[in-house]
């Protein structure tokens, strides 16, 4: 288990934007304030094939599932 990047306690959470560890909501807020991190994963960030892991692929899958769906008009 990794330590919280703010207070060094055992972490429970990981920032989706920068992967920094945190242990509580106050530490998440402090991390965002100190680093200027948004806490939101960049949906179009490039990742080399060597960095693709299960949770990255799952996150990409859910991102694609949330995209608006357009139906092809009939007769086109």
N, C-alpha and C. Protein backbone atom coordinates (compact mmCIF):
# COMPACT_ATOMS: atom_id res chain seq x y z
N UNK A 1 0.85 -1.18 0.00
CA UNK A 1 0.00 0.00 0.00
C UNK A 1 0.89 1.24 0.00
N UNK A 2 0.55 2.18 -0.85
CA UNK A 2 1.33 3.42 -0.95
C UNK A 2 0.85 4.43 0.08
N UNK A 3 1.72 5.37 0.37
CA UNK A 3 1.41 6.43 1.35
C UNK A 3 0.72 7.61 0.66
N UNK A 4 -0.10 8.29 1.41
CA UNK A 4 -0.77 9.50 0.94
C UNK A 4 0.28 10.54 0.57
N UNK A 5 0.10 11.19 -0.57
CA UNK A 5 1.08 12.19 -1.03
C UNK A 5 1.02 13.48 -0.21
N UNK A 6 -0.01 13.65 0.62
CA UNK A 6 -0.16 14.85 1.43
C UNK A 6 0.31 14.63 2.87
N UNK A 7 -0.19 13.55 3.50
CA UNK A 7 0.08 13.38 4.92
C UNK A 7 0.85 12.11 5.27
N UNK A 8 1.18 11.29 4.30
CA UNK A 8 1.96 10.06 4.46
C UNK A 8 1.24 8.92 5.19
N UNK A 9 -0.06 9.04 5.41
CA UNK A 9 -0.85 7.94 5.96
C UNK A 9 -1.08 6.91 4.85
N UNK A 10 -1.48 5.68 5.18
CA UNK A 10 -1.80 4.71 4.12
C UNK A 10 -2.91 5.25 3.22
N UNK A 11 -2.73 5.13 1.92
CA UNK A 11 -3.69 5.72 0.98
C UNK A 11 -4.84 4.76 0.68
N UNK A 12 -5.98 5.33 0.30
CA UNK A 12 -7.15 4.57 -0.11
C UNK A 12 -7.55 4.93 -1.54
N UNK A 13 -7.13 6.09 -1.99
CA UNK A 13 -7.60 6.63 -3.27
C UNK A 13 -6.42 7.03 -4.15
N UNK A 14 -6.71 7.14 -5.44
CA UNK A 14 -5.69 7.57 -6.40
C UNK A 14 -6.34 8.60 -7.32
N UNK A 15 -5.65 9.71 -7.55
CA UNK A 15 -6.17 10.77 -8.42
C UNK A 15 -6.22 10.27 -9.86
N UNK A 16 -7.37 10.39 -10.53
CA UNK A 16 -7.47 9.93 -11.91
C UNK A 16 -6.64 10.76 -12.88
N UNK A 17 -6.32 11.98 -12.51
CA UNK A 17 -5.56 12.85 -13.41
C UNK A 17 -4.05 12.60 -13.33
N UNK A 18 -3.52 12.48 -12.12
CA UNK A 18 -2.06 12.43 -11.97
C UNK A 18 -1.56 11.20 -11.21
N UNK A 19 -2.46 10.35 -10.77
CA UNK A 19 -2.12 9.11 -10.06
C UNK A 19 -1.49 9.31 -8.69
N UNK A 20 -1.59 10.49 -8.11
CA UNK A 20 -1.09 10.71 -6.74
C UNK A 20 -2.05 10.03 -5.76
N UNK A 21 -1.49 9.46 -4.72
CA UNK A 21 -2.28 8.75 -3.71
C UNK A 21 -2.78 9.72 -2.64
N UNK A 22 -3.96 9.42 -2.10
CA UNK A 22 -4.50 10.20 -0.99
C UNK A 22 -5.30 9.28 -0.07
N UNK A 23 -5.52 9.76 1.15
CA UNK A 23 -6.19 8.91 2.14
C UNK A 23 -7.58 9.42 2.52
N UNK A 24 -7.90 10.66 2.21
CA UNK A 24 -9.18 11.22 2.64
C UNK A 24 -9.56 12.41 1.77
N UNK A 25 -10.79 12.85 1.90
CA UNK A 25 -11.27 14.01 1.15
C UNK A 25 -10.46 15.28 1.45
N UNK A 26 -10.14 15.56 2.72
CA UNK A 26 -9.31 16.74 2.98
C UNK A 26 -7.94 16.67 2.28
N UNK A 27 -7.35 15.48 2.21
CA UNK A 27 -6.07 15.34 1.52
C UNK A 27 -6.23 15.48 0.01
N UNK A 28 -7.35 15.00 -0.54
CA UNK A 28 -7.62 15.19 -1.97
C UNK A 28 -7.72 16.68 -2.27
N UNK A 29 -8.46 17.40 -1.45
CA UNK A 29 -8.61 18.85 -1.65
C UNK A 29 -7.27 19.57 -1.52
N UNK A 30 -6.47 19.16 -0.54
CA UNK A 30 -5.15 19.78 -0.35
C UNK A 30 -4.26 19.50 -1.55
N UNK A 31 -4.29 18.27 -2.06
CA UNK A 31 -3.51 17.91 -3.25
C UNK A 31 -3.89 18.79 -4.43
N UNK A 32 -5.19 18.98 -4.65
CA UNK A 32 -5.64 19.82 -5.76
C UNK A 32 -5.20 21.27 -5.58
N UNK A 33 -5.29 21.77 -4.37
CA UNK A 33 -4.89 23.16 -4.08
C UNK A 33 -3.39 23.35 -4.28
N UNK A 34 -2.59 22.42 -3.75
CA UNK A 34 -1.14 22.54 -3.82
C UNK A 34 -0.60 22.38 -5.24
N UNK A 35 -1.16 21.45 -5.99
CA UNK A 35 -0.61 21.12 -7.30
C UNK A 35 -1.32 21.78 -8.46
N UNK A 36 -2.53 22.29 -8.23
CA UNK A 36 -3.31 22.85 -9.33
C UNK A 36 -3.95 21.76 -10.18
N UNK A 37 -3.92 20.53 -9.71
CA UNK A 37 -4.49 19.39 -10.42
C UNK A 37 -6.02 19.54 -10.45
N UNK A 38 -6.62 19.16 -11.55
CA UNK A 38 -8.08 19.24 -11.67
C UNK A 38 -8.77 18.01 -11.08
N UNK A 39 -8.05 16.90 -11.02
CA UNK A 39 -8.66 15.66 -10.55
C UNK A 39 -9.43 14.93 -11.63
N UNK A 40 -9.46 15.48 -12.85
CA UNK A 40 -10.16 14.85 -13.96
C UNK A 40 -9.16 14.27 -14.94
N UNK A 41 -9.37 13.03 -15.30
CA UNK A 41 -8.49 12.35 -16.26
C UNK A 41 -8.64 13.00 -17.63
N UNK A 42 -7.52 13.22 -18.29
CA UNK A 42 -7.56 13.76 -19.65
C UNK A 42 -8.08 12.67 -20.57
N UNK A 43 -9.23 12.89 -21.17
CA UNK A 43 -9.88 11.84 -21.95
C UNK A 43 -9.17 11.55 -23.26
N UNK A 44 -8.33 12.46 -23.73
CA UNK A 44 -7.66 12.24 -25.00
C UNK A 44 -6.14 12.16 -24.86
N UNK A 45 -5.66 11.90 -23.66
CA UNK A 45 -4.22 11.82 -23.44
C UNK A 45 -3.63 10.59 -24.12
N UNK A 46 -2.50 10.76 -24.78
CA UNK A 46 -1.83 9.65 -25.43
C UNK A 46 -1.12 8.79 -24.40
N UNK A 47 -1.25 7.49 -24.54
CA UNK A 47 -0.52 6.54 -23.70
C UNK A 47 0.15 5.54 -24.61
N UNK A 48 1.45 5.34 -24.46
CA UNK A 48 2.10 4.31 -25.26
C UNK A 48 1.57 2.92 -24.90
N UNK A 49 1.69 2.00 -25.83
CA UNK A 49 1.18 0.65 -25.62
C UNK A 49 1.75 0.01 -24.35
N UNK A 50 2.99 0.34 -24.02
CA UNK A 50 3.64 -0.23 -22.84
C UNK A 50 2.96 0.22 -21.53
N UNK A 51 2.22 1.32 -21.56
CA UNK A 51 1.57 1.84 -20.36
C UNK A 51 0.10 1.40 -20.24
N UNK A 52 -0.40 0.67 -21.20
CA UNK A 52 -1.79 0.23 -21.15
C UNK A 52 -1.93 -0.91 -20.14
N UNK A 53 -2.81 -0.72 -19.19
CA UNK A 53 -3.07 -1.72 -18.16
C UNK A 53 -4.57 -1.93 -18.07
N UNK A 54 -4.96 -2.88 -17.26
CA UNK A 54 -6.38 -3.22 -17.13
C UNK A 54 -7.26 -2.04 -16.78
N UNK A 55 -6.86 -1.26 -15.77
CA UNK A 55 -7.73 -0.16 -15.34
C UNK A 55 -7.74 0.97 -16.36
N UNK A 56 -6.65 1.14 -17.12
CA UNK A 56 -6.63 2.15 -18.19
C UNK A 56 -7.60 1.76 -19.28
N UNK A 57 -7.57 0.49 -19.68
CA UNK A 57 -8.47 0.03 -20.72
C UNK A 57 -9.93 0.08 -20.27
N UNK A 58 -10.16 -0.26 -19.02
CA UNK A 58 -11.53 -0.19 -18.49
C UNK A 58 -12.03 1.26 -18.47
N UNK A 59 -11.16 2.17 -18.08
CA UNK A 59 -11.52 3.59 -18.06
C UNK A 59 -11.83 4.08 -19.47
N UNK A 60 -11.01 3.67 -20.44
CA UNK A 60 -11.26 4.04 -21.83
C UNK A 60 -12.59 3.47 -22.32
N UNK A 61 -12.87 2.24 -21.92
CA UNK A 61 -14.14 1.60 -22.31
C UNK A 61 -15.32 2.41 -21.79
N UNK A 62 -15.29 2.80 -20.52
CA UNK A 62 -16.41 3.57 -19.95
C UNK A 62 -16.50 4.95 -20.57
N UNK A 63 -15.34 5.54 -20.95
CA UNK A 63 -15.37 6.83 -21.63
C UNK A 63 -16.09 6.69 -22.97
N UNK A 64 -15.77 5.66 -23.73
CA UNK A 64 -16.42 5.45 -25.02
C UNK A 64 -17.90 5.14 -24.85
N UNK A 65 -18.26 4.41 -23.81
CA UNK A 65 -19.67 4.11 -23.57
C UNK A 65 -20.47 5.37 -23.24
N UNK A 66 -19.81 6.37 -22.65
CA UNK A 66 -20.52 7.59 -22.26
C UNK A 66 -20.67 8.58 -23.42
N UNK A 67 -20.02 8.30 -24.53
CA UNK A 67 -20.10 9.20 -25.69
C UNK A 67 -21.53 9.19 -26.26
N UNK A 68 -21.98 10.33 -26.77
CA UNK A 68 -23.33 10.35 -27.36
C UNK A 68 -23.42 9.41 -28.55
N UNK A 69 -24.54 8.80 -28.69
CA UNK A 69 -24.74 7.84 -29.78
C UNK A 69 -25.59 8.50 -30.87
N UNK A 70 -25.11 8.39 -32.10
CA UNK A 70 -25.83 8.95 -33.24
C UNK A 70 -26.32 7.81 -34.11
N UNK A 71 -27.57 7.90 -34.47
CA UNK A 71 -28.14 6.86 -35.33
C UNK A 71 -28.07 7.34 -36.78
N UNK A 72 -27.79 6.38 -37.63
CA UNK A 72 -27.75 6.67 -39.07
C UNK A 72 -29.18 6.84 -39.57
N UNK A 73 -29.48 7.92 -40.29
CA UNK A 73 -30.82 8.10 -40.83
C UNK A 73 -31.20 6.95 -41.78
N UNK A 74 -32.44 6.57 -41.78
CA UNK A 74 -32.92 5.50 -42.66
C UNK A 74 -32.86 5.96 -44.10
N UNK A 75 -32.37 5.08 -44.98
CA UNK A 75 -32.31 5.38 -46.40
C UNK A 75 -31.08 6.15 -46.83
N UNK A 76 -30.11 6.29 -45.96
CA UNK A 76 -28.90 7.02 -46.34
C UNK A 76 -27.80 6.06 -46.64
